[in-house]
């Protein structure tokens, strides 16, 4: 049996990789959470229905993230169960992304309009 490796990237590293176009960021939070606030460009594949074989890689590395890092680590485990030898997630999740002051799409609860917060 081969060892499985879970890589962790900081929010700044994830942002840099996104800007370079090297990765696909997958948000494993539930749709309601994703709708409220999300990383620009991240795709929503909730942990509750997560299918490692359905991820749209486009030949790029996948980076998983959630609210604090727990669910993305669980999604990585599902990737391992699907045969992946490695998986990557963002340390600290969306909380760490916000703490780093990185761009965020936030939905106004009164209007339902998404707004980019830099």
PDB file of N, CA and C in Angstrom:
ATOM      1  N   UNK A   1       0.832  -1.185   0.000  1.00  0.00           N
ATOM      2  CA  UNK A   1       0.000   0.000   0.000  1.00  0.00           C
ATOM      3  C   UNK A   1       0.878   1.251   0.000  1.00  0.00           C
ATOM      4  N   UNK A   2       0.543   2.186  -0.853  1.00  0.00           N
ATOM      5  CA  UNK A   2       1.331   3.413  -0.958  1.00  0.00           C
ATOM      6  C   UNK A   2       0.830   4.463   0.026  1.00  0.00           C
ATOM      7  N   UNK A   3       1.758   5.264   0.482  1.00  0.00           N
ATOM      8  CA  UNK A   3       1.381   6.353   1.367  1.00  0.00           C
ATOM      9  C   UNK A   3       0.640   7.420   0.584  1.00  0.00           C
ATOM     10  N   UNK A   4      -0.329   8.023   1.216  1.00  0.00           N
ATOM     11  CA  UNK A   4      -1.091   9.119   0.623  1.00  0.00           C
ATOM     12  C   UNK A   4      -0.553  10.409   1.215  1.00  0.00           C
ATOM     13  N   UNK A   5      -0.441  11.438   0.404  1.00  0.00           N
ATOM     14  CA  UNK A   5       0.124  12.689   0.861  1.00  0.00           C
ATOM     15  C   UNK A   5      -0.901  13.806   0.725  1.00  0.00           C
ATOM     16  N   UNK A   6      -1.193  14.471   1.840  1.00  0.00           N
ATOM     17  CA  UNK A   6      -2.066  15.629   1.840  1.00  0.00           C
ATOM     18  C   UNK A   6      -1.190  16.869   1.962  1.00  0.00           C
ATOM     19  N   UNK A   7      -1.186  17.676   0.908  1.00  0.00           N
ATOM     20  CA  UNK A   7      -0.417  18.916   0.905  1.00  0.00           C
ATOM     21  C   UNK A   7      -1.304  20.053   1.406  1.00  0.00           C
ATOM     22  N   UNK A   8      -0.710  20.977   2.127  1.00  0.00           N
ATOM     23  CA  UNK A   8      -1.423  22.164   2.587  1.00  0.00           C
ATOM     24  C   UNK A   8      -0.752  23.394   2.007  1.00  0.00           C
ATOM     25  N   UNK A   9      -1.574  24.288   1.481  1.00  0.00           N
ATOM     26  CA  UNK A   9      -1.070  25.556   0.971  1.00  0.00           C
ATOM     27  C   UNK A   9      -1.691  26.687   1.776  1.00  0.00           C
ATOM     28  N   UNK A  10      -0.952  27.758   1.938  1.00  0.00           N
ATOM     29  CA  UNK A  10      -1.493  28.944   2.597  1.00  0.00           C
ATOM     30  C   UNK A  10      -2.444  29.645   1.633  1.00  0.00           C
ATOM     31  N   UNK A  11      -3.347  30.478   2.145  1.00  0.00           N
ATOM     32  CA  UNK A  11      -4.211  31.244   1.251  1.00  0.00           C
ATOM     33  C   UNK A  11      -3.423  32.069   0.225  1.00  0.00           C
ATOM     34  N   UNK A  12      -2.313  32.680   0.641  1.00  0.00           N
ATOM     35  CA  UNK A  12      -1.504  33.473  -0.294  1.00  0.00           C
ATOM     36  C   UNK A  12      -0.953  32.603  -1.417  1.00  0.00           C
ATOM     37  N   UNK A  13      -0.522  31.389  -1.084  1.00  0.00           N
ATOM     38  CA  UNK A  13      -0.017  30.466  -2.106  1.00  0.00           C
ATOM     39  C   UNK A  13      -1.131  30.040  -3.056  1.00  0.00           C
ATOM     40  N   UNK A  14      -2.327  29.793  -2.514  1.00  0.00           N
ATOM     41  CA  UNK A  14      -3.471  29.415  -3.352  1.00  0.00           C
ATOM     42  C   UNK A  14      -3.802  30.555  -4.302  1.00  0.00           C
ATOM     43  N   UNK A  15      -3.843  31.783  -3.794  1.00  0.00           N
ATOM     44  CA  UNK A  15      -4.147  32.950  -4.632  1.00  0.00           C
ATOM     45  C   UNK A  15      -3.123  33.090  -5.746  1.00  0.00           C
ATOM     46  N   UNK A  16      -1.863  32.932  -5.426  1.00  0.00           N
ATOM     47  CA  UNK A  16      -0.803  33.042  -6.437  1.00  0.00           C
ATOM     48  C   UNK A  16      -0.962  31.964  -7.512  1.00  0.00           C
ATOM     49  N   UNK A  17      -1.280  30.754  -7.099  1.00  0.00           N
ATOM     50  CA  UNK A  17      -1.470  29.655  -8.064  1.00  0.00           C
ATOM     51  C   UNK A  17      -2.714  29.898  -8.913  1.00  0.00           C
ATOM     52  N   UNK A  18      -3.778  30.459  -8.303  1.00  0.00           N
ATOM     53  CA  UNK A  18      -4.972  30.804  -9.077  1.00  0.00           C
ATOM     54  C   UNK A  18      -4.646  31.879 -10.109  1.00  0.00           C
ATOM     55  N   UNK A  19      -3.921  32.911  -9.687  1.00  0.00           N
ATOM     56  CA  UNK A  19      -3.558  33.999 -10.588  1.00  0.00           C
ATOM     57  C   UNK A  19      -2.712  33.502 -11.758  1.00  0.00           C
ATOM     58  N   UNK A  20      -1.902  32.487 -11.503  1.00  0.00           N
ATOM     59  CA  UNK A  20      -1.061  31.914 -12.563  1.00  0.00           C
ATOM     60  C   UNK A  20      -1.848  30.961 -13.469  1.00  0.00           C
ATOM     61  N   UNK A  21      -3.073  30.621 -13.047  1.00  0.00           N
ATOM     62  CA  UNK A  21      -3.900  29.718 -13.850  1.00  0.00           C
ATOM     63  C   UNK A  21      -3.483  28.261 -13.764  1.00  0.00           C
ATOM     64  N   UNK A  22      -2.771  27.916 -12.696  1.00  0.00           N
ATOM     65  CA  UNK A  22      -2.225  26.563 -12.540  1.00  0.00           C
ATOM     66  C   UNK A  22      -3.173  25.572 -11.882  1.00  0.00           C
ATOM     67  N   UNK A  23      -4.268  26.049 -11.284  1.00  0.00           N
ATOM     68  CA  UNK A  23      -5.085  25.185 -10.431  1.00  0.00           C
ATOM     69  C   UNK A  23      -6.584  25.406 -10.652  1.00  0.00           C
ATOM     70  N   UNK A  24      -7.353  24.440 -10.164  1.00  0.00           N
ATOM     71  CA  UNK A  24      -8.800  24.570 -10.046  1.00  0.00           C
ATOM     72  C   UNK A  24      -9.094  24.488  -8.551  1.00  0.00           C
ATOM     73  N   UNK A  25      -9.767  25.508  -8.019  1.00  0.00           N
ATOM     74  CA  UNK A  25     -10.084  25.529  -6.593  1.00  0.00           C
ATOM     75  C   UNK A  25     -11.507  25.018  -6.413  1.00  0.00           C
ATOM     76  N   UNK A  26     -11.640  24.023  -5.544  1.00  0.00           N
ATOM     77  CA  UNK A  26     -12.927  23.388  -5.268  1.00  0.00           C
ATOM     78  C   UNK A  26     -13.339  23.690  -3.831  1.00  0.00           C
ATOM     79  N   UNK A  27     -14.490  24.331  -3.693  1.00  0.00           N
ATOM     80  CA  UNK A  27     -15.075  24.666  -2.396  1.00  0.00           C
ATOM     81  C   UNK A  27     -16.010  23.517  -2.013  1.00  0.00           C
ATOM     82  N   UNK A  28     -15.717  22.820  -0.927  1.00  0.00           N
ATOM     83  CA  UNK A  28     -16.524  21.662  -0.538  1.00  0.00           C
ATOM     84  C   UNK A  28     -17.595  21.998   0.500  1.00  0.00           C
ATOM     85  N   UNK A  29     -17.817  23.294   0.740  1.00  0.00           N
ATOM     86  CA  UNK A  29     -18.897  23.685   1.647  1.00  0.00           C
ATOM     87  C   UNK A  29     -20.237  23.477   0.946  1.00  0.00           C
ATOM     88  N   UNK A  30     -21.304  23.550   1.708  1.00  0.00           N
ATOM     89  CA  UNK A  30     -22.644  23.356   1.156  1.00  0.00           C
ATOM     90  C   UNK A  30     -23.062  24.577   0.334  1.00  0.00           C
ATOM     91  N   UNK A  31     -24.002  24.401  -0.608  1.00  0.00           N
ATOM     92  CA  UNK A  31     -24.397  25.491  -1.503  1.00  0.00           C
ATOM     93  C   UNK A  31     -24.823  26.780  -0.789  1.00  0.00           C
ATOM     94  N   UNK A  32     -25.510  26.668   0.340  1.00  0.00           N
ATOM     95  CA  UNK A  32     -25.941  27.870   1.065  1.00  0.00           C
ATOM     96  C   UNK A  32     -24.724  28.656   1.563  1.00  0.00           C
ATOM     97  N   UNK A  33     -23.718  27.953   2.050  1.00  0.00           N
ATOM     98  CA  UNK A  33     -22.494  28.608   2.512  1.00  0.00           C
ATOM     99  C   UNK A  33     -21.778  29.277   1.336  1.00  0.00           C
ATOM    100  N   UNK A  34     -21.654  28.518   0.253  1.00  0.00           N
ATOM    101  CA  UNK A  34     -20.995  29.004  -0.962  1.00  0.00           C
ATOM    102  C   UNK A  34     -21.718  30.231  -1.506  1.00  0.00           C
ATOM    103  N   UNK A  35     -23.048  30.212  -1.483  1.00  0.00           N
ATOM    104  CA  UNK A  35     -23.831  31.335  -1.976  1.00  0.00           C
ATOM    105  C   UNK A  35     -23.659  32.590  -1.150  1.00  0.00           C
ATOM    106  N   UNK A  36     -23.384  32.429   0.128  1.00  0.00           N
ATOM    107  CA  UNK A  36     -23.222  33.579   1.019  1.00  0.00           C
ATOM    108  C   UNK A  36     -21.912  34.306   0.832  1.00  0.00           C
ATOM    109  N   UNK A  37     -20.843  33.544   0.678  1.00  0.00           N
ATOM    110  CA  UNK A  37     -19.516  34.114   0.438  1.00  0.00           C
ATOM    111  C   UNK A  37     -18.629  33.037  -0.147  1.00  0.00           C
ATOM    112  N   UNK A  38     -17.774  33.471  -1.085  1.00  0.00           N
ATOM    113  CA  UNK A  38     -16.927  32.497  -1.764  1.00  0.00           C
ATOM    114  C   UNK A  38     -15.696  33.165  -2.363  1.00  0.00           C
ATOM    115  N   UNK A  39     -14.727  32.340  -2.647  1.00  0.00           N
ATOM    116  CA  UNK A  39     -13.513  32.790  -3.316  1.00  0.00           C
ATOM    117  C   UNK A  39     -13.831  32.947  -4.800  1.00  0.00           C
ATOM    118  N   UNK A  40     -13.508  34.103  -5.388  1.00  0.00           N
ATOM    119  CA  UNK A  40     -13.755  34.277  -6.817  1.00  0.00           C
ATOM    120  C   UNK A  40     -13.058  33.183  -7.634  1.00  0.00           C
ATOM    121  N   UNK A  41     -13.818  32.525  -8.481  1.00  0.00           N
ATOM    122  CA  UNK A  41     -13.266  31.471  -9.333  1.00  0.00           C
ATOM    123  C   UNK A  41     -13.357  30.077  -8.760  1.00  0.00           C
ATOM    124  N   UNK A  42     -13.684  29.945  -7.484  1.00  0.00           N
ATOM    125  CA  UNK A  42     -13.805  28.613  -6.876  1.00  0.00           C
ATOM    126  C   UNK A  42     -15.114  27.962  -7.331  1.00  0.00           C
ATOM    127  N   UNK A  43     -15.061  26.666  -7.550  1.00  0.00           N
ATOM    128  CA  UNK A  43     -16.238  25.891  -7.939  1.00  0.00           C
ATOM    129  C   UNK A  43     -16.787  25.163  -6.723  1.00  0.00           C
ATOM    130  N   UNK A  44     -18.091  24.951  -6.680  1.00  0.00           N
ATOM    131  CA  UNK A  44     -18.727  24.316  -5.525  1.00  0.00           C
ATOM    132  C   UNK A  44     -19.024  22.846  -5.793  1.00  0.00           C
ATOM    133  N   UNK A  45     -18.372  21.976  -5.027  1.00  0.00           N
ATOM    134  CA  UNK A  45     -18.617  20.537  -5.027  1.00  0.00           C
ATOM    135  C   UNK A  45     -18.755  20.119  -3.564  1.00  0.00           C
ATOM    136  N   UNK A  46     -19.971  20.205  -3.001  1.00  0.00           N
ATOM    137  CA  UNK A  46     -20.175  19.974  -1.563  1.00  0.00           C
ATOM    138  C   UNK A  46     -19.713  18.593  -1.097  1.00  0.00           C
ATOM    139  N   UNK A  47     -19.174  18.566   0.097  1.00  0.00           N
ATOM    140  CA  UNK A  47     -18.722  17.311   0.681  1.00  0.00           C
ATOM    141  C   UNK A  47     -19.864  16.302   0.775  1.00  0.00           C
ATOM    142  N   UNK A  48     -21.085  16.775   1.037  1.00  0.00           N
ATOM    143  CA  UNK A  48     -22.223  15.863   1.205  1.00  0.00           C
ATOM    144  C   UNK A  48     -22.505  15.034  -0.045  1.00  0.00           C
ATOM    145  N   UNK A  49     -22.105  15.518  -1.207  1.00  0.00           N
ATOM    146  CA  UNK A  49     -22.321  14.779  -2.460  1.00  0.00           C
ATOM    147  C   UNK A  49     -21.022  14.635  -3.240  1.00  0.00           C
ATOM    148  N   UNK A  50     -19.898  14.790  -2.570  1.00  0.00           N
ATOM    149  CA  UNK A  50     -18.582  14.843  -3.212  1.00  0.00           C
ATOM    150  C   UNK A  50     -18.264  13.559  -3.959  1.00  0.00           C
ATOM    151  N   UNK A  51     -17.871  13.709  -5.214  1.00  0.00           N
ATOM    152  CA  UNK A  51     -17.454  12.588  -6.059  1.00  0.00           C
ATOM    153  C   UNK A  51     -16.103  12.948  -6.658  1.00  0.00           C
ATOM    154  N   UNK A  52     -15.052  12.312  -6.172  1.00  0.00           N
ATOM    155  CA  UNK A  52     -13.699  12.616  -6.628  1.00  0.00           C
ATOM    156  C   UNK A  52     -13.538  12.390  -8.131  1.00  0.00           C
ATOM    157  N   UNK A  53     -14.343  11.514  -8.702  1.00  0.00           N
ATOM    158  CA  UNK A  53     -14.231  11.215 -10.125  1.00  0.00           C
ATOM    159  C   UNK A  53     -14.913  12.269 -10.996  1.00  0.00           C
ATOM    160  N   UNK A  54     -15.708  13.143 -10.400  1.00  0.00           N
ATOM    161  CA  UNK A  54     -16.456  14.149 -11.166  1.00  0.00           C
ATOM    162  C   UNK A  54     -15.789  15.521 -11.148  1.00  0.00           C
ATOM    163  N   UNK A  55     -14.637  15.642 -10.531  1.00  0.00           N
ATOM    164  CA  UNK A  55     -13.986  16.943 -10.427  1.00  0.00           C
ATOM    165  C   UNK A  55     -13.482  17.402 -11.798  1.00  0.00           C
ATOM    166  N   UNK A  56     -13.742  18.661 -12.143  1.00  0.00           N
ATOM    167  CA  UNK A  56     -13.338  19.189 -13.452  1.00  0.00           C
ATOM    168  C   UNK A  56     -11.892  19.684 -13.438  1.00  0.00           C
ATOM    169  N   UNK A  57     -10.958  18.793 -13.639  1.00  0.00           N
ATOM    170  CA  UNK A  57      -9.557  19.173 -13.504  1.00  0.00           C
ATOM    171  C   UNK A  57      -9.028  19.957 -14.692  1.00  0.00           C
ATOM    172  N   UNK A  58      -9.477  19.637 -15.889  1.00  0.00           N
ATOM    173  CA  UNK A  58      -8.929  20.313 -17.063  1.00  0.00           C
ATOM    174  C   UNK A  58      -7.424  20.161 -17.143  1.00  0.00           C
ATOM    175  N   UNK A  59      -6.906  19.077 -16.554  1.00  0.00           N
ATOM    176  CA  UNK A  59      -5.467  18.837 -16.553  1.00  0.00           C
ATOM    177  C   UNK A  59      -4.706  19.642 -15.511  1.00  0.00           C
ATOM    178  N   UNK A  60      -5.432  20.372 -14.679  1.00  0.00           N
ATOM    179  CA  UNK A  60      -4.785  21.203 -13.656  1.00  0.00           C
ATOM    180  C   UNK A  60      -4.895  20.540 -12.289  1.00  0.00           C
ATOM    181  N   UNK A  61      -4.032  20.978 -11.387  1.00  0.00           N
ATOM    182  CA  UNK A  61      -4.086  20.490 -10.012  1.00  0.00           C
ATOM    183  C   UNK A  61      -5.334  21.035  -9.324  1.00  0.00           C
ATOM    184  N   UNK A  62      -5.936  20.197  -8.498  1.00  0.00           N
ATOM    185  CA  UNK A  62      -7.099  20.581  -7.707  1.00  0.00           C
ATOM    186  C   UNK A  62      -6.629  21.021  -6.323  1.00  0.00           C
ATOM    187  N   UNK A  63      -7.192  22.139  -5.847  1.00  0.00           N
ATOM    188  CA  UNK A  63      -6.975  22.560  -4.464  1.00  0.00           C
ATOM    189  C   UNK A  63      -8.349  22.603  -3.806  1.00  0.00           C
ATOM    190  N   UNK A  64      -8.506  21.866  -2.732  1.00  0.00           N
ATOM    191  CA  UNK A  64      -9.760  21.794  -1.994  1.00  0.00           C
ATOM    192  C   UNK A  64      -9.762  22.831  -0.877  1.00  0.00           C
ATOM    193  N   UNK A  65     -10.937  23.367  -0.590  1.00  0.00           N
ATOM    194  CA  UNK A  65     -11.042  24.242   0.583  1.00  0.00           C
ATOM    195  C   UNK A  65     -12.457  24.184   1.139  1.00  0.00           C
ATOM    196  N   UNK A  66     -12.584  24.588   2.400  1.00  0.00           N
ATOM    197  CA  UNK A  66     -13.885  24.642   3.083  1.00  0.00           C
ATOM    198  C   UNK A  66     -13.856  25.859   4.012  1.00  0.00           C
ATOM    199  N   UNK A  67     -14.555  25.782   5.118  1.00  0.00           N
ATOM    200  CA  UNK A  67     -14.592  26.909   6.046  1.00  0.00           C
ATOM    201  C   UNK A  67     -13.340  27.048   6.882  1.00  0.00           C
ATOM    202  N   UNK A  68     -12.858  25.925   7.439  1.00  0.00           N
ATOM    203  CA  UNK A  68     -11.686  25.982   8.318  1.00  0.00           C
ATOM    204  C   UNK A  68     -10.617  24.936   7.997  1.00  0.00           C
ATOM    205  N   UNK A  69     -10.909  24.006   7.109  1.00  0.00           N
ATOM    206  CA  UNK A  69      -9.935  22.995   6.711  1.00  0.00           C
ATOM    207  C   UNK A  69     -10.324  21.568   7.023  1.00  0.00           C
ATOM    208  N   UNK A  70     -11.340  21.364   7.862  1.00  0.00           N
ATOM    209  CA  UNK A  70     -11.730  20.007   8.248  1.00  0.00           C
ATOM    210  C   UNK A  70     -12.410  19.263   7.098  1.00  0.00           C
ATOM    211  N   UNK A  71     -13.406  19.890   6.473  1.00  0.00           N
ATOM    212  CA  UNK A  71     -14.131  19.210   5.397  1.00  0.00           C
ATOM    213  C   UNK A  71     -13.263  19.015   4.153  1.00  0.00           C
ATOM    214  N   UNK A  72     -12.366  19.953   3.893  1.00  0.00           N
ATOM    215  CA  UNK A  72     -11.497  19.771   2.726  1.00  0.00           C
ATOM    216  C   UNK A  72     -10.543  18.598   2.949  1.00  0.00           C
ATOM    217  N   UNK A  73     -10.108  18.379   4.182  1.00  0.00           N
ATOM    218  CA  UNK A  73      -9.284  17.204   4.483  1.00  0.00           C
ATOM    219  C   UNK A  73     -10.106  15.926   4.302  1.00  0.00           C
ATOM    220  N   UNK A  74     -11.403  15.981   4.648  1.00  0.00           N
ATOM    221  CA  UNK A  74     -12.280  14.826   4.442  1.00  0.00           C
ATOM    222  C   UNK A  74     -12.482  14.572   2.949  1.00  0.00           C
ATOM    223  N   UNK A  75     -12.608  15.628   2.165  1.00  0.00           N
ATOM    224  CA  UNK A  75     -12.731  15.475   0.710  1.00  0.00           C
ATOM    225  C   UNK A  75     -11.448  14.888   0.132  1.00  0.00           C
ATOM    226  N   UNK A  76     -10.309  15.301   0.668  1.00  0.00           N
ATOM    227  CA  UNK A  76      -9.030  14.739   0.221  1.00  0.00           C
ATOM    228  C   UNK A  76      -9.004  13.236   0.485  1.00  0.00           C
ATOM    229  N   UNK A  77      -9.536  12.827   1.632  1.00  0.00           N
ATOM    230  CA  UNK A  77      -9.603  11.400   1.951  1.00  0.00           C
ATOM    231  C   UNK A  77     -10.441  10.665   0.903  1.00  0.00           C
ATOM    232  N   UNK A  78     -11.531  11.285   0.451  1.00  0.00           N
ATOM    233  CA  UNK A  78     -12.357  10.667  -0.594  1.00  0.00           C
ATOM    234  C   UNK A  78     -11.568  10.566  -1.893  1.00  0.00           C
ATOM    235  N   UNK A  79     -10.710  11.536  -2.164  1.00  0.00           N
ATOM    236  CA  UNK A  79      -9.840  11.463  -3.344  1.00  0.00           C
ATOM    237  C   UNK A  79      -8.876  10.282  -3.208  1.00  0.00           C
ATOM    238  N   UNK A  80      -8.323  10.110  -2.001  1.00  0.00           N
ATOM    239  CA  UNK A  80      -7.422   8.980  -1.761  1.00  0.00           C
ATOM    240  C   UNK A  80      -8.149   7.660  -1.967  1.00  0.00           C
ATOM    241  N   UNK A  81      -9.377   7.583  -1.466  1.00  0.00           N
ATOM    242  CA  UNK A  81     -10.173   6.366  -1.631  1.00  0.00           C
ATOM    243  C   UNK A  81     -10.463   6.093  -3.100  1.00  0.00           C
ATOM    244  N   UNK A  82     -10.482   7.164  -3.913  1.00  0.00           N
ATOM    245  CA  UNK A  82     -10.694   7.024  -5.345  1.00  0.00           C
ATOM    246  C   UNK A  82      -9.421   6.706  -6.116  1.00  0.00           C
ATOM    247  N   UNK A  83      -8.299   6.598  -5.406  1.00  0.00           N
ATOM    248  CA  UNK A  83      -7.057   6.199  -6.042  1.00  0.00           C
ATOM    249  C   UNK A  83      -5.999   7.281  -6.154  1.00  0.00           C
ATOM    250  N   UNK A  84      -6.297   8.502  -5.759  1.00  0.00           N
ATOM    251  CA  UNK A  84      -5.292   9.570  -5.828  1.00  0.00           C
ATOM    252  C   UNK A  84      -4.180   9.314  -4.820  1.00  0.00           C
ATOM    253  N   UNK A  85      -2.949   9.576  -5.217  1.00  0.00           N
ATOM    254  CA  UNK A  85      -1.810   9.416  -4.323  1.00  0.00           C
ATOM    255  C   UNK A  85      -1.549  10.696  -3.544  1.00  0.00           C
ATOM    256  N   UNK A  86      -2.004  11.831  -4.098  1.00  0.00           N
ATOM    257  CA  UNK A  86      -1.786  13.125  -3.466  1.00  0.00           C
ATOM    258  C   UNK A  86      -3.061  13.963  -3.560  1.00  0.00           C
ATOM    259  N   UNK A  87      -3.212  14.858  -2.629  1.00  0.00           N
ATOM    260  CA  UNK A  87      -4.301  15.836  -2.656  1.00  0.00           C
ATOM    261  C   UNK A  87      -3.783  17.097  -1.975  1.00  0.00           C
ATOM    262  N   UNK A  88      -4.387  18.226  -2.339  1.00  0.00           N
ATOM    263  CA  UNK A  88      -3.962  19.501  -1.778  1.00  0.00           C
ATOM    264  C   UNK A  88      -5.174  20.245  -1.250  1.00  0.00           C
ATOM    265  N   UNK A  89      -5.025  20.838  -0.068  1.00  0.00           N
ATOM    266  CA  UNK A  89      -6.087  21.697   0.434  1.00  0.00           C
ATOM    267  C   UNK A  89      -5.479  22.951   1.040  1.00  0.00           C
ATOM    268  N   UNK A  90      -6.357  23.955   1.226  1.00  0.00           N
ATOM    269  CA  UNK A  90      -5.913  25.233   1.751  1.00  0.00           C
ATOM    270  C   UNK A  90      -5.991  25.211   3.281  1.00  0.00           C
ATOM    271  N   UNK A  91      -4.872  25.435   3.898  1.00  0.00           N
ATOM    272  CA  UNK A  91      -4.807  25.464   5.359  1.00  0.00           C
ATOM    273  C   UNK A  91      -5.671  26.590   5.906  1.00  0.00           C
ATOM    274  N   UNK A  92      -6.516  26.271   6.876  1.00  0.00           N
ATOM    275  CA  UNK A  92      -7.340  27.289   7.526  1.00  0.00           C
ATOM    276  C   UNK A  92      -8.616  27.649   6.792  1.00  0.00           C
ATOM    277  N   UNK A  93      -8.788  27.135   5.585  1.00  0.00           N
ATOM    278  CA  UNK A  93     -10.012  27.340   4.827  1.00  0.00           C
ATOM    279  C   UNK A  93     -10.345  28.798   4.555  1.00  0.00           C
ATOM    280  N   UNK A  94     -11.634  29.042   4.319  1.00  0.00           N
ATOM    281  CA  UNK A  94     -12.101  30.382   3.979  1.00  0.00           C
ATOM    282  C   UNK A  94     -11.820  31.379   5.102  1.00  0.00           C
ATOM    283  N   UNK A  95     -11.836  30.914   6.344  1.00  0.00           N
ATOM    284  CA  UNK A  95     -11.516  31.803   7.461  1.00  0.00           C
ATOM    285  C   UNK A  95     -10.117  32.389   7.323  1.00  0.00           C
ATOM    286  N   UNK A  96      -9.153  31.565   6.950  1.00  0.00           N
ATOM    287  CA  UNK A  96      -7.781  32.031   6.770  1.00  0.00           C
ATOM    288  C   UNK A  96      -7.678  32.942   5.541  1.00  0.00           C
ATOM    289  N   UNK A  97      -8.441  32.609   4.486  1.00  0.00           N
ATOM    290  CA  UNK A  97      -8.470  33.442   3.276  1.00  0.00           C
ATOM    291  C   UNK A  97      -8.941  34.862   3.643  1.00  0.00           C
ATOM    292  N   UNK A  98     -10.038  34.946   4.412  1.00  0.00           N
ATOM    293  CA  UNK A  98     -10.570  36.245   4.810  1.00  0.00           C
ATOM    294  C   UNK A  98      -9.588  36.977   5.723  1.00  0.00           C
ATOM    295  N   UNK A  99      -8.981  36.248   6.647  1.00  0.00           N
ATOM    296  CA  UNK A  99      -8.023  36.850   7.574  1.00  0.00           C
ATOM    297  C   UNK A  99      -6.829  37.434   6.817  1.00  0.00           C
ATOM    298  N   UNK A 100      -6.475  36.807   5.683  1.00  0.00           N
ATOM    299  CA  UNK A 100      -5.362  37.293   4.868  1.00  0.00           C
ATOM    300  C   UNK A 100      -5.764  38.497   4.019  1.00  0.00           C
ATOM    301  N   UNK A 101      -7.054  38.864   4.048  1.00  0.00           N
ATOM    302  CA  UNK A 101      -7.510  40.028   3.305  1.00  0.00           C
ATOM    303  C   UNK A 101      -7.595  39.821   1.809  1.00  0.00           C
ATOM    304  N   UNK A 102      -7.777  38.570   1.384  1.00  0.00           N
ATOM    305  CA  UNK A 102      -7.838  38.258  -0.044  1.00  0.00           C
ATOM    306  C   UNK A 102      -9.251  38.484  -0.588  1.00  0.00           C
ATOM    307  N   UNK A 103      -9.406  38.668  -1.900  1.00  0.00           N
ATOM    308  CA  UNK A 103     -10.717  38.962  -2.493  1.00  0.00           C
ATOM    309  C   UNK A 103     -11.763  37.894  -2.176  1.00  0.00           C
ATOM    310  N   UNK A 104     -12.998  38.359  -2.029  1.00  0.00           N
ATOM    311  CA  UNK A 104     -14.101  37.487  -1.649  1.00  0.00           C
ATOM    312  C   UNK A 104     -15.363  37.982  -2.327  1.00  0.00           C
ATOM    313  N   UNK A 105     -16.169  37.068  -2.815  1.00  0.00           N
ATOM    314  CA  UNK A 105     -17.483  37.436  -3.328  1.00  0.00           C
ATOM    315  C   UNK A 105     -18.469  37.231  -2.190  1.00  0.00           C
ATOM    316  N   UNK A 106     -19.181  38.300  -1.833  1.00  0.00           N
ATOM    317  CA  UNK A 106     -20.134  38.280  -0.728  1.00  0.00           C
ATOM    318  C   UNK A 106     -21.505  38.627  -1.278  1.00  0.00           C
ATOM    319  N   UNK A 107     -22.520  37.852  -0.894  1.00  0.00           N
ATOM    320  CA  UNK A 107     -23.877  38.123  -1.332  1.00  0.00           C
ATOM    321  C   UNK A 107     -24.587  38.988  -0.301  1.00  0.00           C
ATOM    322  N   UNK A 108     -25.140  40.101  -0.767  1.00  0.00           N
ATOM    323  CA  UNK A 108     -25.897  40.999   0.105  1.00  0.00           C
ATOM    324  C   UNK A 108     -27.208  40.306   0.469  1.00  0.00           C
ATOM    325  N   UNK A 109     -27.466  40.057   1.760  1.00  0.00           N
ATOM    326  CA  UNK A 109     -28.667  39.328   2.153  1.00  0.00           C
ATOM    327  C   UNK A 109     -29.972  40.069   1.843  1.00  0.00           C
ATOM    328  N   UNK A 110     -29.906  41.393   1.716  1.00  0.00           N
ATOM    329  CA  UNK A 110     -31.112  42.169   1.427  1.00  0.00           C
ATOM    330  C   UNK A 110     -31.477  42.159  -0.050  1.00  0.00           C
ATOM    331  N   UNK A 111     -30.470  42.217  -0.909  1.00  0.00           N
ATOM    332  CA  UNK A 111     -30.731  42.304  -2.350  1.00  0.00           C
ATOM    333  C   UNK A 111     -30.455  41.010  -3.093  1.00  0.00           C
ATOM    334  N   UNK A 112     -29.643  40.132  -2.498  1.00  0.00           N
ATOM    335  CA  UNK A 112     -29.256  38.899  -3.172  1.00  0.00           C
ATOM    336  C   UNK A 112     -28.181  39.114  -4.221  1.00  0.00           C
ATOM    337  N   UNK A 113     -27.646  40.327  -4.291  1.00  0.00           N
ATOM    338  CA  UNK A 113     -26.622  40.652  -5.286  1.00  0.00           C
ATOM    339  C   UNK A 113     -25.230  40.318  -4.761  1.00  0.00           C
ATOM    340  N   UNK A 114     -24.449  39.605  -5.585  1.00  0.00           N
ATOM    341  CA  UNK A 114     -23.058  39.340  -5.195  1.00  0.00           C
ATOM    342  C   UNK A 114     -22.193  40.566  -5.421  1.00  0.00           C
ATOM    343  N   UNK A 115     -21.244  40.765  -4.515  1.00  0.00           N
ATOM    344  CA  UNK A 115     -20.328  41.900  -4.591  1.00  0.00           C
ATOM    345  C   UNK A 115     -18.913  41.393  -4.342  1.00  0.00           C
ATOM    346  N   UNK A 116     -17.979  41.872  -5.127  1.00  0.00           N
ATOM    347  CA  UNK A 116     -16.576  41.511  -4.909  1.00  0.00           C
ATOM    348  C   UNK A 116     -16.012  42.421  -3.838  1.00  0.00           C
ATOM    349  N   UNK A 117     -15.512  41.802  -2.789  1.00  0.00           N
ATOM    350  CA  UNK A 117     -14.866  42.541  -1.698  1.00  0.00           C
ATOM    351  C   UNK A 117     -13.370  42.257  -1.803  1.00  0.00           C
ATOM    352  N   UNK A 118     -12.595  43.307  -2.007  1.00  0.00           N
ATOM    353  CA  UNK A 118     -11.131  43.129  -2.145  1.00  0.00           C
ATOM    354  C   UNK A 118     -10.442  43.358  -0.834  1.00  0.00           C
TER     355      UNK A 118
END
